[in-house]
Amino acid sequence: MVKLEIGAVVSFINEVGDKFTGELSEVSSDFYDDVKLENGVVTYWSKKTKKYVPVKEKNKESIFFEIKTALGVEFVTESELF
């Protein structure tokens, strides 16, 4: 898998098994308020430590990547990327 960074070209498989390629344009979460990519690692702003820290393993499925494809914008999880 390619290193995750904004602007990288990534491939993914959607929920019906179709393969797509597109540009990673944004990272977001339905659990954390403020997330970003730092050196290929998804981090979130910790109010407790007042700095960005890596997303906890148990919360990785709450992270979504916005991928711009020729057919439009798709939102995928890290497990759907290859």
C-alpha atoms as a PDB file:
ATOM      1  CA  MET A   1       0.000   0.000   0.000  1.00  0.00           C
ATOM      2  CA  VAL A   2       1.161   3.534  -0.772  1.00  0.00           C
ATOM      3  CA  LYS A   3       2.144   5.879   2.078  1.00  0.00           C
ATOM      4  CA  LEU A   4      -0.939   7.794   3.154  1.00  0.00           C
ATOM      5  CA  GLU A   5      -0.639  11.511   2.497  1.00  0.00           C
ATOM      6  CA  ILE A   6      -2.911  14.175   1.075  1.00  0.00           C
ATOM      7  CA  GLY A   7      -2.529  14.244  -2.707  1.00  0.00           C
ATOM      8  CA  ALA A   8      -1.349  10.621  -2.982  1.00  0.00           C
ATOM      9  CA  VAL A   9      -2.933   8.375  -5.594  1.00  0.00           C
ATOM     10  CA  VAL A  10      -4.545   5.412  -3.830  1.00  0.00           C
ATOM     11  CA  SER A  11      -6.646   2.412  -4.836  1.00  0.00           C
ATOM     12  CA  PHE A  12      -9.595   0.950  -2.978  1.00  0.00           C
ATOM     13  CA  ILE A  13     -12.330  -1.644  -3.261  1.00  0.00           C
ATOM     14  CA  ASN A  14     -15.868  -0.448  -2.599  1.00  0.00           C
ATOM     15  CA  GLU A  15     -18.614  -2.353  -0.774  1.00  0.00           C
ATOM     16  CA  VAL A  16     -19.649  -4.305  -3.905  1.00  0.00           C
ATOM     17  CA  GLY A  17     -16.096  -5.300  -4.862  1.00  0.00           C
ATOM     18  CA  ASP A  18     -15.377  -2.731  -7.599  1.00  0.00           C
ATOM     19  CA  LYS A  19     -11.807  -1.391  -7.728  1.00  0.00           C
ATOM     20  CA  PHE A  20     -11.170   2.344  -8.028  1.00  0.00           C
ATOM     21  CA  THR A  21      -8.171   4.660  -8.075  1.00  0.00           C
ATOM     22  CA  GLY A  22      -8.208   8.295  -7.015  1.00  0.00           C
ATOM     23  CA  GLU A  23      -6.495  11.087  -5.141  1.00  0.00           C
ATOM     24  CA  LEU A  24      -6.636  11.185  -1.349  1.00  0.00           C
ATOM     25  CA  SER A  25      -7.960  14.659  -0.585  1.00  0.00           C
ATOM     26  CA  GLU A  26      -8.995  14.670   3.064  1.00  0.00           C
ATOM     27  CA  VAL A  27      -9.114  12.642   6.274  1.00  0.00           C
ATOM     28  CA  SER A  28     -12.019  12.874   8.718  1.00  0.00           C
ATOM     29  CA  SER A  29     -13.586  11.026  11.616  1.00  0.00           C
ATOM     30  CA  ASP A  30     -16.991  10.467  13.119  1.00  0.00           C
ATOM     31  CA  PHE A  31     -15.353  10.015  16.555  1.00  0.00           C
ATOM     32  CA  TYR A  32     -12.593  12.655  16.747  1.00  0.00           C
ATOM     33  CA  ASP A  33     -13.123  16.376  16.128  1.00  0.00           C
ATOM     34  CA  ASP A  34      -9.692  17.204  14.665  1.00  0.00           C
ATOM     35  CA  VAL A  35      -7.719  14.621  12.653  1.00  0.00           C
ATOM     36  CA  LYS A  36      -4.855  14.894  10.179  1.00  0.00           C
ATOM     37  CA  LEU A  37      -2.183  12.853   8.456  1.00  0.00           C
ATOM     38  CA  GLU A  38       1.369  13.158   9.769  1.00  0.00           C
ATOM     39  CA  ASN A  39       4.040  11.104   7.989  1.00  0.00           C
ATOM     40  CA  GLY A  40       1.463   8.554   6.849  1.00  0.00           C
ATOM     41  CA  VAL A  41      -0.113   8.162  10.307  1.00  0.00           C
ATOM     42  CA  VAL A  42      -3.589   9.419  11.186  1.00  0.00           C
ATOM     43  CA  THR A  43      -3.409  11.587  14.305  1.00  0.00           C
ATOM     44  CA  TYR A  44      -5.989  13.431  16.392  1.00  0.00           C
ATOM     45  CA  TRP A  45      -5.789  16.471  18.654  1.00  0.00           C
ATOM     46  CA  SER A  46      -5.697  15.304  22.256  1.00  0.00           C
ATOM     47  CA  LYS A  47      -7.255  17.819  24.619  1.00  0.00           C
ATOM     48  CA  LYS A  48      -5.558  16.000  27.497  1.00  0.00           C
ATOM     49  CA  THR A  49      -1.982  16.221  26.161  1.00  0.00           C
ATOM     50  CA  LYS A  50      -2.490  19.353  24.004  1.00  0.00           C
ATOM     51  CA  LYS A  51      -0.831  17.751  20.959  1.00  0.00           C
ATOM     52  CA  TYR A  52      -1.581  15.456  18.030  1.00  0.00           C
ATOM     53  CA  VAL A  53      -1.305  11.757  18.892  1.00  0.00           C
ATOM     54  CA  PRO A  54      -1.886   8.608  16.784  1.00  0.00           C
ATOM     55  CA  VAL A  55      -5.449   7.303  16.576  1.00  0.00           C
ATOM     56  CA  LYS A  56      -6.079   4.406  18.940  1.00  0.00           C
ATOM     57  CA  GLU A  57      -6.402   0.987  17.293  1.00  0.00           C
ATOM     58  CA  LYS A  58      -9.919   0.490  18.674  1.00  0.00           C
ATOM     59  CA  ASN A  59     -11.071   3.731  16.963  1.00  0.00           C
ATOM     60  CA  LYS A  60      -9.442   3.249  13.525  1.00  0.00           C
ATOM     61  CA  GLU A  61     -12.769   2.303  11.914  1.00  0.00           C
ATOM     62  CA  SER A  62     -14.054   5.811  12.739  1.00  0.00           C
ATOM     63  CA  ILE A  63     -11.499   7.297  10.303  1.00  0.00           C
ATOM     64  CA  PHE A  64     -12.605   8.030   6.742  1.00  0.00           C
ATOM     65  CA  PHE A  65     -10.566   9.087   3.747  1.00  0.00           C
ATOM     66  CA  GLU A  66     -12.069  11.279   1.027  1.00  0.00           C
ATOM     67  CA  ILE A  67     -10.936   9.992  -2.366  1.00  0.00           C
ATOM     68  CA  LYS A  68     -11.575  11.996  -5.550  1.00  0.00           C
ATOM     69  CA  THR A  69     -12.144   9.611  -8.467  1.00  0.00           C
ATOM     70  CA  ALA A  70     -13.166  10.122 -12.082  1.00  0.00           C
ATOM     71  CA  LEU A  71     -16.743   9.262 -11.028  1.00  0.00           C
ATOM     72  CA  GLY A  72     -16.876  11.624  -8.049  1.00  0.00           C
ATOM     73  CA  VAL A  73     -15.944  11.612  -4.379  1.00  0.00           C
ATOM     74  CA  GLU A  74     -15.867   8.410  -2.315  1.00  0.00           C
ATOM     75  CA  PHE A  75     -15.391   7.969   1.431  1.00  0.00           C
ATOM     76  CA  VAL A  76     -13.469   4.850   2.453  1.00  0.00           C
ATOM     77  CA  THR A  77     -11.887   3.370   5.550  1.00  0.00           C
ATOM     78  CA  GLU A  78      -8.244   2.371   5.763  1.00  0.00           C
ATOM     79  CA  SER A  79      -9.225  -1.306   5.537  1.00  0.00           C
ATOM     80  CA  GLU A  80     -10.704  -0.688   2.052  1.00  0.00           C
ATOM     81  CA  LEU A  81      -7.437   0.784   0.711  1.00  0.00           C
ATOM     82  CA  PHE A  82      -4.823  -1.376  -0.991  1.00  0.00           C
END
